[in-house]
Amino acid sequence: MKRKLISGFLLSTLLVSCAPQAPAVTSAPGAGTGQTPASTSAPASPSTAGDLKKVTVLLDWTPNTNHTGLFVAKEKGYFAEAGLDVDIQTPPQGGSPQLVAAGKADFGIDFQDTLAPALAADSPLPVTAVAAILQHNTSGIISRKGEGLGRPKGMEGKKYATWDNPVEQAIIRNVVEKDGGDYSKVQLIPNNITDEVAALKTRQVDSVWIFYGWSGINAQVSGFDFDYFAFKDLNPVFDYYTPVLIASDRMIAQDPETVRKFVGAASKGYTFSAQNPQAAAEILLKHAPELEPTLTQESQKWMANQILDPGKPWGQMDAQRWDGFYRWLWENQLIQKEIPAGQGFTNDFIPGQ
């Protein structure tokens, strides 16, 4: 579940230089689990394959518990019931939005923060978030227990592993300064980490940004004593949507029924995952046997409370939260153009909307 935040410069470069190409299964970071790429799609039944519409969805990284609902929807036949033969693939690093926009994939997974530079470009990337995979931002800062980094001010004078990304560093600055700390005293070192727990144990770093649903659970399973604070608990504007399911604007306009069917089946898969985490984890492990079983099971249990909010359907996005984060990026000069309210997401395909 580990990922790098893509800077506006890098994403702009990708938009210019990324020639259309067929999606490929490639290596991607895996939160220190040692996982290796695997084929993530099972063939459709020969008796029904010809009757189903072929659809491709690109993950953001190699399979993990962010993706369980898709594998459940495939395994339990929800996609097939909707008339879809879904091929789940892992894209080149950072390439999912570009390939979706170019029509080389039907759906993809990305993040509200990394979509921002593309949506704020002079020619915005023609993709739209059609569902929130998780209802809340599960990221924050992990550190060794008892060293004072359980709050942002404690990062003063300590080594933080940075991706050298303007949005990432602005978030860190915000929480440190709101806690009365001096951001200029935070020691920024390059984030070349593949295993957060190992990096903390060896004192390579004192703190690192993680997504708790995988890396935090990995620390628990490993028996590592740690402190942690979540960004959304310190500033509500940081409760942005990460990850999200995206589709191209062209597909939304020209084939809304396929979008509706795909999101509806995915909703069934993720709802099942939230209500039956053990069974869902077993399905994920079947499709991604390289994952560590205990970590996967414990992660899925924890994620169950992040997939659904009480009284709300899976995937629904709150306009105030979506727009509020993009407004914060604009006010802090982190994007080149203001993103209009309501741009970049839709709830139109969420079942029951």
Protein backbone atom coordinates (compact mmCIF):
# COMPACT_ATOMS: atom_id res chain seq x y z
CA MET A 1 0.00 0.00 0.00
CA LYS A 2 3.03 2.21 -0.03
CA ARG A 3 3.10 4.82 -2.77
CA LYS A 4 4.93 7.96 -3.74
CA LEU A 5 3.14 11.27 -4.13
CA ILE A 6 3.63 12.50 -7.70
CA SER A 7 4.79 16.11 -7.97
CA GLY A 8 3.17 18.52 -10.39
CA PHE A 9 6.40 18.66 -12.40
CA LEU A 10 6.67 14.89 -12.68
CA LEU A 11 3.01 14.45 -13.56
CA SER A 12 3.24 17.19 -16.20
CA THR A 13 6.24 15.38 -17.67
CA LEU A 14 4.28 12.14 -17.76
CA LEU A 15 1.39 13.79 -19.54
CA VAL A 16 3.72 15.10 -22.25
CA SER A 17 5.97 12.08 -22.66
CA CYS A 18 3.75 9.08 -21.93
CA ALA A 19 2.95 7.56 -25.30
CA PRO A 20 -0.13 5.29 -25.32
CA GLN A 21 0.80 1.70 -24.58
CA ALA A 22 -0.92 -1.50 -23.61
CA PRO A 23 -1.21 -2.01 -19.85
CA ALA A 24 1.45 -4.34 -18.50
CA VAL A 25 2.04 -6.18 -15.26
CA THR A 26 5.16 -4.62 -13.76
CA SER A 27 6.99 -4.37 -10.49
CA ALA A 28 5.71 -1.92 -7.89
CA PRO A 29 6.42 -1.10 -4.24
CA GLY A 30 4.61 -3.28 -1.73
CA ALA A 31 5.08 -1.78 1.72
CA GLY A 32 8.04 -3.97 2.56
CA THR A 33 6.26 -7.28 2.10
CA GLY A 34 8.66 -8.61 -0.50
CA GLN A 35 5.75 -9.20 -2.85
CA THR A 36 6.39 -9.79 -6.53
CA PRO A 37 4.13 -9.14 -9.50
CA ALA A 38 1.64 -11.84 -10.34
CA SER A 39 -1.07 -12.30 -12.88
CA THR A 40 -4.13 -10.77 -11.23
CA SER A 41 -6.86 -11.86 -13.57
CA ALA A 42 -8.57 -15.22 -13.87
CA PRO A 43 -10.06 -16.28 -17.22
CA ALA A 44 -13.79 -15.99 -17.66
CA SER A 45 -15.77 -19.19 -17.89
CA PRO A 46 -15.58 -20.51 -21.48
CA SER A 47 -19.35 -20.92 -21.52
CA THR A 48 -19.98 -17.26 -20.73
CA ALA A 49 -16.87 -15.40 -21.84
CA GLY A 50 -18.26 -14.61 -25.28
CA ASP A 51 -21.39 -13.04 -23.77
CA LEU A 52 -19.54 -10.65 -21.46
CA LYS A 53 -18.14 -7.23 -22.27
CA LYS A 54 -14.39 -7.12 -21.70
CA VAL A 55 -13.29 -4.38 -19.32
CA THR A 56 -9.81 -3.56 -18.00
CA VAL A 57 -9.09 -1.97 -14.61
CA LEU A 58 -5.59 -0.84 -13.62
CA LEU A 59 -4.50 -0.99 -9.99
CA ASP A 60 -2.19 1.65 -8.55
CA TRP A 61 0.40 -0.84 -7.26
CA THR A 62 0.63 -4.58 -6.86
CA PRO A 63 -2.44 -6.18 -5.18
CA ASN A 64 -3.17 -5.32 -1.56
CA THR A 65 -6.19 -4.76 0.67
CA ASN A 66 -7.11 -1.51 -1.10
CA HIS A 67 -8.06 -3.74 -4.02
CA THR A 68 -9.84 -6.63 -2.30
CA GLY A 69 -13.32 -5.55 -3.37
CA LEU A 70 -12.39 -5.87 -7.04
CA PHE A 71 -11.09 -9.40 -6.60
CA VAL A 72 -14.18 -10.30 -4.56
CA ALA A 73 -16.44 -8.93 -7.30
CA LYS A 74 -14.59 -11.05 -9.84
CA GLU A 75 -14.39 -14.20 -7.72
CA LYS A 76 -18.02 -14.13 -6.57
CA GLY A 77 -19.36 -13.35 -10.03
CA TYR A 78 -20.65 -9.83 -9.38
CA PHE A 79 -18.92 -8.51 -12.49
CA ALA A 80 -20.18 -11.42 -14.58
CA GLU A 81 -23.73 -10.87 -13.31
CA ALA A 82 -23.39 -7.30 -14.58
CA GLY A 83 -22.35 -8.60 -18.00
CA LEU A 84 -18.67 -7.74 -17.58
CA ASP A 85 -15.48 -9.77 -18.04
CA VAL A 86 -13.05 -7.74 -15.94
CA ASP A 87 -9.28 -7.99 -16.36
CA ILE A 88 -7.45 -6.63 -13.28
CA GLN A 89 -3.92 -5.47 -14.07
CA THR A 90 -1.03 -3.62 -12.46
CA PRO A 91 0.14 -0.59 -14.49
CA PRO A 92 3.51 1.03 -14.96
CA GLN A 93 4.36 3.14 -11.88
CA GLY A 94 2.19 6.24 -11.79
CA GLY A 95 0.66 5.38 -15.14
CA SER A 96 -2.96 4.49 -14.38
CA PRO A 97 -4.57 7.93 -14.97
CA GLN A 98 -2.63 8.51 -18.19
CA LEU A 99 -3.56 5.11 -19.63
CA VAL A 100 -7.20 5.53 -18.64
CA ALA A 101 -7.28 9.01 -20.19
CA ALA A 102 -5.70 7.63 -23.37
CA GLY A 103 -8.36 4.94 -23.66
CA LYS A 104 -5.87 2.10 -23.04
CA ALA A 105 -7.83 0.99 -19.96
CA ASP A 106 -11.45 1.45 -18.93
CA PHE A 107 -10.95 2.09 -15.21
CA GLY A 108 -8.06 2.75 -12.88
CA ILE A 109 -7.13 3.50 -9.29
CA ASP A 110 -5.45 6.72 -8.24
CA PHE A 111 -5.57 9.30 -5.43
CA GLN A 112 -7.18 12.72 -5.03
CA ASP A 113 -3.89 14.41 -4.16
CA THR A 114 -1.93 13.05 -7.12
CA LEU A 115 -4.79 13.83 -9.50
CA ALA A 116 -4.69 17.49 -8.51
CA PRO A 117 -1.85 18.68 -10.79
CA ALA A 118 -3.47 16.92 -13.75
CA LEU A 119 -6.85 18.52 -13.06
CA ALA A 120 -5.23 21.94 -12.58
CA ALA A 121 -3.29 21.83 -15.86
CA ASP A 122 -4.04 24.15 -18.78
CA SER A 123 -5.45 21.06 -20.52
CA PRO A 124 -6.87 19.00 -17.63
CA LEU A 125 -6.44 15.24 -17.82
CA PRO A 126 -9.86 13.92 -18.92
CA VAL A 127 -10.49 11.54 -16.03
CA THR A 128 -13.05 11.60 -13.22
CA ALA A 129 -13.26 9.80 -9.89
CA VAL A 130 -16.42 7.68 -9.92
CA ALA A 131 -16.10 6.10 -6.45
CA ALA A 132 -14.05 6.44 -3.27
CA ILE A 133 -12.52 3.08 -2.38
CA LEU A 134 -12.02 4.14 1.24
CA GLN A 135 -14.12 6.69 3.06
CA HIS A 136 -11.20 8.28 4.90
CA ASN A 137 -7.53 9.11 4.47
CA THR A 138 -5.62 6.45 6.40
CA SER A 139 -2.18 8.06 6.11
CA GLY A 140 0.01 9.52 8.83
CA ILE A 141 3.46 9.47 10.41
CA ILE A 142 4.98 6.43 12.13
CA SER A 143 7.99 6.57 14.46
CA ARG A 144 9.72 4.56 17.17
CA LYS A 145 7.68 4.50 20.36
CA GLY A 146 8.56 6.84 23.18
CA GLU A 147 10.83 9.24 21.28
CA GLY A 148 8.41 12.16 21.25
CA LEU A 149 7.22 11.81 17.65
CA GLY A 150 3.72 10.79 18.57
CA ARG A 151 2.86 14.44 17.86
CA PRO A 152 4.08 16.59 14.95
CA LYS A 153 6.19 18.98 17.03
CA GLY A 154 8.36 15.99 17.94
CA MET A 155 9.65 15.84 14.36
CA GLU A 156 11.90 18.83 15.11
CA GLY A 157 15.56 17.83 14.87
CA LYS A 158 14.66 14.32 13.72
CA LYS A 159 15.09 12.58 10.36
CA TYR A 160 11.98 12.41 8.19
CA ALA A 161 12.05 10.37 4.96
CA THR A 162 10.66 12.66 2.27
CA TRP A 163 9.65 12.06 -1.34
CA ASP A 164 10.65 15.69 -1.97
CA ASN A 165 7.13 16.44 -3.11
CA PRO A 166 5.63 19.92 -2.59
CA VAL A 167 2.21 18.66 -1.46
CA GLU A 168 3.71 16.11 0.91
CA GLN A 169 6.04 18.65 2.48
CA ALA A 170 3.30 21.29 2.76
CA ILE A 171 1.17 18.81 4.71
CA ILE A 172 4.05 18.05 7.05
CA ARG A 173 4.75 21.78 7.50
CA ASN A 174 1.10 22.43 8.28
CA VAL A 175 0.77 19.82 11.03
CA VAL A 176 4.17 20.61 12.57
CA GLU A 177 3.52 24.35 12.73
CA LYS A 178 -0.06 23.90 14.00
CA ASP A 179 1.46 21.85 16.83
CA GLY A 180 3.82 24.71 17.70
CA GLY A 181 6.86 23.19 16.02
CA ASP A 182 9.50 24.67 13.73
CA TYR A 183 9.30 22.93 10.35
CA SER A 184 12.72 24.26 9.32
CA LYS A 185 14.26 22.05 12.02
CA VAL A 186 12.85 18.83 10.54
CA GLN A 187 15.72 16.93 8.90
CA LEU A 188 14.56 15.90 5.43
CA ILE A 189 16.33 12.87 3.97
CA PRO A 190 15.53 11.01 0.72
CA ASN A 191 12.86 8.33 1.00
CA ASN A 192 14.50 5.22 -0.44
CA ILE A 193 12.63 2.96 1.96
CA THR A 194 11.14 -0.38 1.00
CA ASP A 195 10.42 -1.53 4.56
CA GLU A 196 9.34 1.15 7.03
CA VAL A 197 9.75 -1.04 10.11
CA ALA A 198 13.29 -2.06 9.15
CA ALA A 199 14.23 1.57 8.42
CA LEU A 200 12.99 2.66 11.84
CA LYS A 201 14.62 -0.25 13.66
CA THR A 202 18.02 0.49 12.11
CA ARG A 203 17.57 4.24 12.74
CA GLN A 204 17.92 4.99 9.06
CA VAL A 205 15.00 7.36 9.71
CA ASP A 206 13.11 8.64 12.74
CA SER A 207 9.76 9.07 11.02
CA VAL A 208 8.10 8.14 7.73
CA TRP A 209 4.74 8.66 6.01
CA ILE A 210 2.69 5.47 5.86
CA PHE A 211 -0.79 4.23 5.03
CA TYR A 212 -1.90 2.62 8.25
CA GLY A 213 -4.10 -0.05 6.70
CA TRP A 214 -1.03 -1.84 5.39
CA SER A 215 2.19 -0.47 6.87
CA GLY A 216 0.73 0.27 10.29
CA ILE A 217 -0.76 -3.20 10.48
CA ASN A 218 2.55 -4.61 9.27
CA ALA A 219 4.26 -2.90 12.22
CA GLN A 220 1.70 -4.44 14.59
CA VAL A 221 2.06 -7.92 13.12
CA SER A 222 5.85 -7.57 13.30
CA GLY A 223 5.67 -6.76 17.02
CA PHE A 224 7.27 -3.35 16.50
CA ASP A 225 6.45 -0.73 19.15
CA PHE A 226 5.60 2.56 17.48
CA ASP A 227 3.94 5.92 17.81
CA TYR A 228 1.66 7.25 15.09
CA PHE A 229 -0.48 10.25 14.25
CA ALA A 230 -2.99 10.53 11.41
CA PHE A 231 -3.15 13.68 9.29
CA LYS A 232 -6.96 13.75 9.19
CA ASP A 233 -7.08 13.85 13.00
CA LEU A 234 -4.97 17.02 13.05
CA ASN A 235 -6.53 18.95 10.17
CA PRO A 236 -9.89 17.94 8.63
CA VAL A 237 -8.82 19.29 5.23
CA PHE A 238 -6.43 16.35 5.01
CA ASP A 239 -9.27 13.83 5.09
CA TYR A 240 -9.18 13.76 1.30
CA TYR A 241 -10.04 10.70 -0.76
CA THR A 242 -7.28 8.17 -1.23
CA PRO A 243 -7.58 5.92 -3.19
CA VAL A 244 -10.34 6.51 -5.74
CA LEU A 245 -11.68 4.61 -8.73
CA ILE A 246 -11.39 6.63 -11.95
CA ALA A 247 -12.83 6.47 -15.47
CA SER A 248 -12.18 8.58 -18.55
CA ASP A 249 -14.50 11.47 -19.29
CA ARG A 250 -15.02 10.00 -22.76
CA MET A 251 -16.25 6.69 -21.35
CA ILE A 252 -18.54 8.45 -18.90
CA ALA A 253 -20.09 10.41 -21.75
CA GLN A 254 -20.25 7.65 -24.36
CA ASP A 255 -20.82 4.49 -22.31
CA PRO A 256 -22.32 5.46 -18.94
CA GLU A 257 -24.10 2.10 -18.64
CA THR A 258 -20.81 0.20 -18.46
CA VAL A 259 -19.56 2.65 -15.84
CA ARG A 260 -22.74 2.10 -13.85
CA LYS A 261 -22.47 -1.67 -14.09
CA PHE A 262 -18.80 -1.71 -13.11
CA VAL A 263 -19.24 0.61 -10.12
CA GLY A 264 -22.33 -1.33 -9.02
CA ALA A 265 -20.49 -4.66 -9.06
CA ALA A 266 -17.47 -3.12 -7.35
CA SER A 267 -19.79 -1.76 -4.68
CA LYS A 268 -21.03 -5.30 -3.99
CA GLY A 269 -17.43 -6.53 -3.78
CA TYR A 270 -16.30 -3.84 -1.37
CA THR A 271 -19.43 -4.09 0.75
CA PHE A 272 -18.87 -7.85 1.05
CA SER A 273 -15.22 -7.15 2.00
CA ALA A 274 -16.30 -4.79 4.78
CA GLN A 275 -18.87 -7.21 6.13
CA ASN A 276 -16.81 -10.40 5.70
CA PRO A 277 -13.14 -9.40 6.07
CA GLN A 278 -11.79 -12.90 6.68
CA ALA A 279 -13.50 -14.40 3.64
CA ALA A 280 -12.50 -11.39 1.55
CA ALA A 281 -8.86 -11.71 2.60
CA GLU A 282 -8.88 -15.36 1.55
CA ILE A 283 -10.10 -14.33 -1.89
CA LEU A 284 -7.35 -11.70 -2.18
CA LEU A 285 -4.74 -14.29 -1.15
CA LYS A 286 -6.05 -16.67 -3.79
CA HIS A 287 -5.42 -14.05 -6.48
CA ALA A 288 -2.22 -12.70 -4.91
CA PRO A 289 -0.57 -15.66 -3.13
CA GLU A 290 2.69 -13.73 -2.77
CA LEU A 291 1.13 -11.67 0.05
CA GLU A 292 1.90 -12.57 3.66
CA PRO A 293 -1.27 -14.25 5.01
CA THR A 294 -1.34 -12.89 8.56
CA LEU A 295 -0.65 -9.33 7.43
CA THR A 296 -3.33 -9.61 4.75
CA GLN A 297 -5.94 -10.97 7.16
CA GLU A 298 -5.24 -8.36 9.84
CA SER A 299 -5.13 -5.55 7.30
CA GLN A 300 -8.48 -6.59 5.87
CA LYS A 301 -10.05 -6.63 9.33
CA TRP A 302 -8.82 -3.10 10.01
CA MET A 303 -9.84 -1.85 6.57
CA ALA A 304 -13.41 -3.06 7.07
CA ASN A 305 -14.17 0.09 9.07
CA GLN A 306 -12.62 2.33 6.41
CA ILE A 307 -14.53 0.95 3.42
CA LEU A 308 -17.99 1.97 4.62
CA ASP A 309 -19.33 4.87 6.68
CA PRO A 310 -22.50 4.10 8.66
CA GLY A 311 -25.60 5.06 6.72
CA LYS A 312 -23.73 5.78 3.48
CA PRO A 313 -23.34 3.63 0.37
CA TRP A 314 -19.87 2.49 -0.64
CA GLY A 315 -18.01 4.90 -2.88
CA GLN A 316 -19.91 8.10 -2.10
CA MET A 317 -17.75 11.25 -1.99
CA ASP A 318 -18.52 14.37 0.01
CA ALA A 319 -18.30 17.52 -2.12
CA GLN A 320 -17.15 19.70 0.78
CA ARG A 321 -14.24 17.38 1.56
CA TRP A 322 -13.26 17.00 -2.10
CA ASP A 323 -13.43 20.72 -2.86
CA GLY A 324 -11.93 21.72 0.48
CA PHE A 325 -8.69 19.87 -0.15
CA TYR A 326 -8.31 21.30 -3.64
CA ARG A 327 -9.06 24.79 -2.29
CA TRP A 328 -6.29 24.30 0.29
CA LEU A 329 -3.85 23.30 -2.47
CA TRP A 330 -4.74 26.44 -4.43
CA GLU A 331 -4.52 28.76 -1.41
CA ASN A 332 -1.07 27.35 -0.62
CA GLN A 333 0.13 27.75 -4.23
CA LEU A 334 0.58 24.01 -4.71
CA ILE A 335 -1.27 23.82 -8.03
CA GLN A 336 -0.96 26.11 -11.04
CA LYS A 337 -4.67 26.79 -11.50
CA GLU A 338 -7.69 26.79 -9.24
CA ILE A 339 -9.79 23.63 -9.63
CA PRO A 340 -13.47 24.57 -9.89
CA ALA A 341 -15.81 23.23 -7.24
CA GLY A 342 -17.15 19.83 -8.16
CA GLN A 343 -14.51 19.10 -10.79
CA GLY A 344 -12.84 15.71 -10.89
CA PHE A 345 -15.46 13.54 -9.19
CA THR A 346 -19.04 12.34 -9.54
CA ASN A 347 -21.44 10.33 -7.38
CA ASP A 348 -23.77 9.67 -10.30
CA PHE A 349 -22.78 6.02 -10.63
CA ILE A 350 -22.97 5.06 -6.94
CA PRO A 351 -25.84 2.58 -6.45
CA GLY A 352 -28.81 4.31 -4.84
CA GLN A 353 -27.76 7.82 -5.86
